C-alpha atoms as a PDB file:
ATOM      1  CA  MET A   1     120.921  80.340 109.764  1.00  0.00           C
ATOM      2  CA  TYR A   2     118.650  82.902 111.369  1.00  0.00           C
ATOM      3  CA  ARG A   3     118.160  82.819 115.134  1.00  0.00           C
ATOM      4  CA  PRO A   4     115.596  85.231 116.589  1.00  0.00           C
ATOM      5  CA  SER A   5     117.455  87.699 118.826  1.00  0.00           C
ATOM      6  CA  GLY A   6     117.260  87.103 122.546  1.00  0.00           C
ATOM      7  CA  THR A   7     116.317  83.446 122.165  1.00  0.00           C
ATOM      8  CA  ASP A   8     118.138  80.189 122.609  1.00  0.00           C
ATOM      9  CA  GLY A   9     115.674  78.469 120.316  1.00  0.00           C
ATOM     10  CA  PRO A  10     116.660  76.520 117.238  1.00  0.00           C
ATOM     11  CA  ALA A  11     118.104  78.390 114.294  1.00  0.00           C
ATOM     12  CA  LEU A  12     115.726  78.819 111.393  1.00  0.00           C
ATOM     13  CA  PRO A  13     116.903  77.995 107.871  1.00  0.00           C
ATOM     14  CA  GLY A  14     117.695  81.037 105.753  1.00  0.00           C
ATOM     15  CA  ARG A  15     116.848  84.614 106.683  1.00  0.00           C
ATOM     16  CA  LEU A  16     113.536  85.567 108.207  1.00  0.00           C
ATOM     17  CA  GLY A  17     111.220  86.683 105.405  1.00  0.00           C
ATOM     18  CA  GLU A  18     113.554  85.385 102.689  1.00  0.00           C
ATOM     19  CA  HIS A  19     110.630  83.705 100.926  1.00  0.00           C
ATOM     20  CA  LEU A  20     109.004  87.146 100.621  1.00  0.00           C
ATOM     21  CA  ARG A  21     112.006  88.466  98.700  1.00  0.00           C
ATOM     22  CA  SER A  22     111.661  86.084  95.772  1.00  0.00           C
ATOM     23  CA  PRO A  23     110.295  87.487  92.509  1.00  0.00           C
ATOM     24  CA  PRO A  24     106.501  87.748  92.354  1.00  0.00           C
ATOM     25  CA  VAL A  25     104.550  85.052  90.624  1.00  0.00           C
ATOM     26  CA  LYS A  26     103.447  86.407  87.258  1.00  0.00           C
ATOM     27  CA  VAL A  27      99.787  85.798  86.462  1.00  0.00           C
ATOM     28  CA  SER A  28      98.845  85.952  82.795  1.00  0.00           C
ATOM     29  CA  GLN A  29      95.899  88.218  82.067  1.00  0.00           C
ATOM     30  CA  ASP A  30      94.931  85.818  79.279  1.00  0.00           C
ATOM     31  CA  GLY A  31      94.702  82.822  81.615  1.00  0.00           C
ATOM     32  CA  VAL A  32      91.664  81.740  83.612  1.00  0.00           C
ATOM     33  CA  ILE A  33      92.936  83.335  86.823  1.00  0.00           C
ATOM     34  CA  GLY A  34      93.926  86.567  85.093  1.00  0.00           C
ATOM     35  CA  ARG A  35      90.596  86.968  83.300  1.00  0.00           C
ATOM     36  CA  ASN A  36      88.704  86.377  86.551  1.00  0.00           C
ATOM     37  CA  VAL A  37      90.876  88.845  88.481  1.00  0.00           C
ATOM     38  CA  ILE A  38      90.244  91.520  85.832  1.00  0.00           C
ATOM     39  CA  ARG A  39      86.506  90.783  85.860  1.00  0.00           C
ATOM     40  CA  MET A  40      86.471  91.037  89.668  1.00  0.00           C
ATOM     41  CA  ALA A  41      88.536  94.267  89.602  1.00  0.00           C
ATOM     42  CA  ALA A  42      86.036  95.836  87.212  1.00  0.00           C
ATOM     43  CA  SER A  43      83.041  95.024  89.425  1.00  0.00           C
ATOM     44  CA  PRO A  44      81.183  97.653  91.491  1.00  0.00           C
ATOM     45  CA  ALA A  45      81.630  95.502  94.614  1.00  0.00           C
ATOM     46  CA  PHE A  46      85.420  95.602  94.190  1.00  0.00           C
ATOM     47  CA  ALA A  47      85.266  99.408  93.848  1.00  0.00           C
ATOM     48  CA  ARG A  48      83.567  99.571  97.252  1.00  0.00           C
ATOM     49  CA  VAL A  49      85.986  97.243  99.062  1.00  0.00           C
ATOM     50  CA  ALA A  50      89.346  97.602  97.271  1.00  0.00           C
ATOM     51  CA  PRO A  51      90.279 101.168  98.273  1.00  0.00           C
ATOM     52  CA  SER A  52      90.440 100.202 101.941  1.00  0.00           C
ATOM     53  CA  VAL A  53      92.064  96.783 101.432  1.00  0.00           C
ATOM     54  CA  VAL A  54      94.347  96.641  98.372  1.00  0.00           C
ATOM     55  CA  PRO A  55      96.601  99.656  99.141  1.00  0.00           C
ATOM     56  CA  ARG A  56      97.208  98.416 102.705  1.00  0.00           C
ATOM     57  CA  LEU A  57      98.169  94.952 101.493  1.00  0.00           C
ATOM     58  CA  ASP A  58     100.368  96.390  98.732  1.00  0.00           C
ATOM     59  CA  ARG A  59     102.185  98.678 101.191  1.00  0.00           C
ATOM     60  CA  LEU A  60     102.712  95.757 103.597  1.00  0.00           C
ATOM     61  CA  VAL A  61     104.133  93.446 100.930  1.00  0.00           C
ATOM     62  CA  HIS A  62     106.268  96.320  99.572  1.00  0.00           C
ATOM     63  CA  ARG A  63     107.738  96.894 103.036  1.00  0.00           C
ATOM     64  CA  LEU A  64     108.288  93.166 103.722  1.00  0.00           C
ATOM     65  CA  THR A  65     110.075  92.645 100.390  1.00  0.00           C
ATOM     66  CA  GLY A  66     112.366  95.631 100.769  1.00  0.00           C
ATOM     67  CA  GLY A  67     110.595  97.507  97.987  1.00  0.00           C
ATOM     68  CA  ARG A  68     110.980  94.727  95.430  1.00  0.00           C
ATOM     69  CA  THR A  69     107.313  93.952  94.860  1.00  0.00           C
ATOM     70  CA  THR A  70     103.701  94.412  95.918  1.00  0.00           C
ATOM     71  CA  MET A  71     100.763  92.066  96.167  1.00  0.00           C
ATOM     72  CA  SER A  72      99.316  93.417  92.893  1.00  0.00           C
ATOM     73  CA  ALA A  73     102.562  93.023  90.949  1.00  0.00           C
ATOM     74  CA  GLY A  74     101.618  89.520  89.796  1.00  0.00           C
ATOM     75  CA  MET A  75      99.015  91.040  87.461  1.00  0.00           C
ATOM     76  CA  VAL A  76     100.322  94.490  86.646  1.00  0.00           C
ATOM     77  CA  PRO A  77     103.518  96.385  87.492  1.00  0.00           C
ATOM     78  CA  THR A  78     103.106  98.527  90.595  1.00  0.00           C
ATOM     79  CA  VAL A  79     104.851 101.691  91.753  1.00  0.00           C
ATOM     80  CA  VAL A  80     104.663 102.966  95.318  1.00  0.00           C
ATOM     81  CA  LEU A  81     104.290 106.720  94.901  1.00  0.00           C
ATOM     82  CA  THR A  82     104.739 109.318  97.630  1.00  0.00           C
ATOM     83  CA  THR A  83     103.141 112.668  96.856  1.00  0.00           C
ATOM     84  CA  THR A  84     102.803 115.853  98.898  1.00  0.00           C
ATOM     85  CA  GLY A  85      99.268 116.342 100.234  1.00  0.00           C
ATOM     86  CA  SER A  86      97.673 119.276  98.410  1.00  0.00           C
ATOM     87  CA  ARG A  87      96.009 120.549 101.603  1.00  0.00           C
ATOM     88  CA  SER A  88      98.133 119.129 104.412  1.00  0.00           C
ATOM     89  CA  GLY A  89     101.584 119.361 102.851  1.00  0.00           C
ATOM     90  CA  GLU A  90     102.271 115.948 104.429  1.00  0.00           C
ATOM     91  CA  PRO A  91     103.703 112.967 102.513  1.00  0.00           C
ATOM     92  CA  ARG A  92     101.026 110.630 101.139  1.00  0.00           C
ATOM     93  CA  THR A  93     102.055 107.153  99.966  1.00  0.00           C
ATOM     94  CA  VAL A  94      99.973 105.023  97.639  1.00  0.00           C
ATOM     95  CA  PRO A  95     100.671 101.888  95.573  1.00  0.00           C
ATOM     96  CA  LEU A  96      99.541 102.308  91.958  1.00  0.00           C
ATOM     97  CA  ALA A  97      99.355 100.104  88.906  1.00  0.00           C
ATOM     98  CA  CYS A  98     101.718 101.481  86.299  1.00  0.00           C
ATOM     99  CA  VAL A  99     102.870 100.954  82.749  1.00  0.00           C
ATOM    100  CA  PRO A 100     106.653 101.275  82.485  1.00  0.00           C
ATOM    101  CA  GLU A 101     108.224 102.464  79.236  1.00  0.00           C
ATOM    102  CA  GLY A 102     111.972 102.818  79.553  1.00  0.00           C
ATOM    103  CA  ASP A 103     112.681 105.283  82.390  1.00  0.00           C
ATOM    104  CA  VAL A 104     109.098 106.562  82.371  1.00  0.00           C
ATOM    105  CA  LEU A 105     106.087 105.218  84.283  1.00  0.00           C
ATOM    106  CA  TYR A 106     102.464 105.933  83.326  1.00  0.00           C
ATOM    107  CA  VAL A 107      99.812 105.925  86.057  1.00  0.00           C
ATOM    108  CA  VAL A 108      96.038 106.233  85.693  1.00  0.00           C
ATOM    109  CA  GLY A 109      93.799 108.005  88.209  1.00  0.00           C
ATOM    110  CA  SER A 110      91.106 105.344  87.970  1.00  0.00           C
ATOM    111  CA  ASN A 111      90.201 105.191  91.670  1.00  0.00           C
ATOM    112  CA  TYR A 112      88.759 101.731  90.946  1.00  0.00           C
ATOM    113  CA  GLY A 113      86.073 103.324  88.739  1.00  0.00           C
ATOM    114  CA  ARG A 114      84.648 105.451  91.539  1.00  0.00           C
ATOM    115  CA  GLU A 115      83.019 108.853  90.873  1.00  0.00           C
ATOM    116  CA  ARG A 116      85.840 111.043  92.208  1.00  0.00           C
ATOM    117  CA  HIS A 117      89.421 111.500  91.148  1.00  0.00           C
ATOM    118  CA  PRO A 118      91.871 109.899  93.580  1.00  0.00           C
ATOM    119  CA  ALA A 119      93.562 112.229  96.064  1.00  0.00           C
ATOM    120  CA  TRP A 120      97.037 111.316  94.806  1.00  0.00           C
ATOM    121  CA  SER A 121      96.165 112.763  91.369  1.00  0.00           C
ATOM    122  CA  THR A 122      95.073 116.060  92.915  1.00  0.00           C
ATOM    123  CA  ASN A 123      98.315 116.051  94.914  1.00  0.00           C
ATOM    124  CA  LEU A 124     100.377 115.614  91.730  1.00  0.00           C
ATOM    125  CA  ILE A 125      98.591 118.503  90.033  1.00  0.00           C
ATOM    126  CA  ALA A 126      99.409 120.750  93.011  1.00  0.00           C
ATOM    127  CA  THR A 127     102.990 119.466  93.448  1.00  0.00           C
ATOM    128  CA  PRO A 128     104.311 117.483  90.455  1.00  0.00           C
ATOM    129  CA  ARG A 129     107.529 116.371  92.214  1.00  0.00           C
ATOM    130  CA  ALA A 130     107.104 113.031  93.997  1.00  0.00           C
ATOM    131  CA  SER A 131     109.059 109.983  95.147  1.00  0.00           C
ATOM    132  CA  ALA A 132     108.693 106.619  93.452  1.00  0.00           C
ATOM    133  CA  SER A 133     109.659 103.123  94.514  1.00  0.00           C
ATOM    134  CA  PHE A 134     109.638 100.723  91.592  1.00  0.00           C
ATOM    135  CA  SER A 135     111.332  97.344  91.253  1.00  0.00           C
ATOM    136  CA  GLY A 136     113.440  97.883  94.368  1.00  0.00           C
ATOM    137  CA  ARG A 137     114.682 101.314  93.263  1.00  0.00           C
ATOM    138  CA  ASP A 138     113.736 104.583  95.016  1.00  0.00           C
ATOM    139  CA  TYR A 139     113.982 107.864  93.106  1.00  0.00           C
ATOM    140  CA  GLU A 140     112.405 111.287  92.592  1.00  0.00           C
ATOM    141  CA  VAL A 141     109.992 111.799  89.692  1.00  0.00           C
ATOM    142  CA  ASP A 142     108.344 114.714  87.957  1.00  0.00           C
ATOM    143  CA  ALA A 143     104.696 114.148  87.031  1.00  0.00           C
ATOM    144  CA  HIS A 144     103.131 115.428  83.830  1.00  0.00           C
ATOM    145  CA  LEU A 145      99.346 115.304  83.398  1.00  0.00           C
ATOM    146  CA  LEU A 146      98.813 114.084  79.848  1.00  0.00           C
ATOM    147  CA  THR A 147      96.963 116.282  77.390  1.00  0.00           C
ATOM    148  CA  ALA A 148      93.964 114.809  75.562  1.00  0.00           C
ATOM    149  CA  THR A 149      96.164 114.047  72.530  1.00  0.00           C
ATOM    150  CA  GLU A 150      98.920 112.436  74.620  1.00  0.00           C
ATOM    151  CA  LYS A 151      96.346 110.407  76.519  1.00  0.00           C
ATOM    152  CA  ALA A 152      94.657 109.182  73.319  1.00  0.00           C
ATOM    153  CA  GLU A 153      98.060 107.999  72.086  1.00  0.00           C
ATOM    154  CA  ALA A 154      98.911 106.211  75.347  1.00  0.00           C
ATOM    155  CA  TRP A 155      95.450 104.776  76.136  1.00  0.00           C
ATOM    156  CA  PRO A 156      95.723 101.568  74.054  1.00  0.00           C
ATOM    157  CA  ARG A 157      98.953 100.648  75.883  1.00  0.00           C
ATOM    158  CA  LEU A 158      97.376 101.415  79.261  1.00  0.00           C
ATOM    159  CA  VAL A 159      94.292  99.303  78.550  1.00  0.00           C
ATOM    160  CA  GLY A 160      96.577  96.587  77.190  1.00  0.00           C
ATOM    161  CA  ALA A 161      98.273  96.496  80.596  1.00  0.00           C
ATOM    162  CA  TRP A 162      95.019  96.674  82.601  1.00  0.00           C
ATOM    163  CA  PRO A 163      91.799  96.113  80.583  1.00  0.00           C
ATOM    164  CA  ALA A 164      89.580  97.209  83.506  1.00  0.00           C
ATOM    165  CA  TYR A 165      90.470 100.868  82.766  1.00  0.00           C
ATOM    166  CA  ASP A 166      87.791 101.009  80.045  1.00  0.00           C
ATOM    167  CA  THR A 167      85.190  99.742  82.535  1.00  0.00           C
ATOM    168  CA  TYR A 168      86.371 102.317  85.085  1.00  0.00           C
ATOM    169  CA  VAL A 169      85.782 105.122  82.556  1.00  0.00           C
ATOM    170  CA  GLU A 170      82.248 103.906  81.813  1.00  0.00           C
ATOM    171  CA  ARG A 171      81.267 103.377  85.431  1.00  0.00           C
ATOM    172  CA  SER A 172      82.819 106.561  86.840  1.00  0.00           C
ATOM    173  CA  GLY A 173      81.614 108.923  84.121  1.00  0.00           C
ATOM    174  CA  ARG A 174      84.966 110.719  84.523  1.00  0.00           C
ATOM    175  CA  ASP A 175      87.765 111.544  82.165  1.00  0.00           C
ATOM    176  CA  LEU A 176      90.447 109.579  84.012  1.00  0.00           C
ATOM    177  CA  ARG A 177      93.628 111.517  84.686  1.00  0.00           C
ATOM    178  CA  VAL A 178      96.786 109.947  83.263  1.00  0.00           C
ATOM    179  CA  PHE A 179     100.250 111.018  84.382  1.00  0.00           C
ATOM    180  CA  ARG A 180     103.702 110.388  82.992  1.00  0.00           C
ATOM    181  CA  LEU A 181     106.272 110.025  85.777  1.00  0.00           C
ATOM    182  CA  SER A 182     109.773 110.851  84.575  1.00  0.00           C
ATOM    183  CA  PRO A 183     112.960 110.607  86.663  1.00  0.00           C
ATOM    184  CA  ALA A 184     113.761 114.036  88.127  1.00  0.00           C
END
């Protein structure tokens, strides 16, 4: 039983926050909810609101679950990546959708389909060594910006994991950066 420190109140069943440590609920992208979430994520309105809301919620859930999951993990696997700021030299932490393949994670610099590349991608180009937190495991990674050929080979798997990427390309008018994160 958990009893808040410094109180004589009743003991609470289990540990505080234990319910947050259970595995995330998996939402099928083929189901009604999944299709609607993808449609919403591909909308211009989401691109305006999401950058200030989704990363904060993902970081909060990641912290509360001891690094086991994020809010977005029900739809797509998520890595919490800490890069070195290209200008500041300070650590910059961002939750990112990823596609895991063995020990490797692929991340796409979609920036929700906005016109500019995300800052984390510029940081990785300047300093390819970063820290990753994925599935409750923290480790160092080396980032490799995929060549056009490597990206063309990986793109069907990336879009299979998150179909909104194709919409992000169209809306942004950018060639989205794709990185392979390998354990250092």
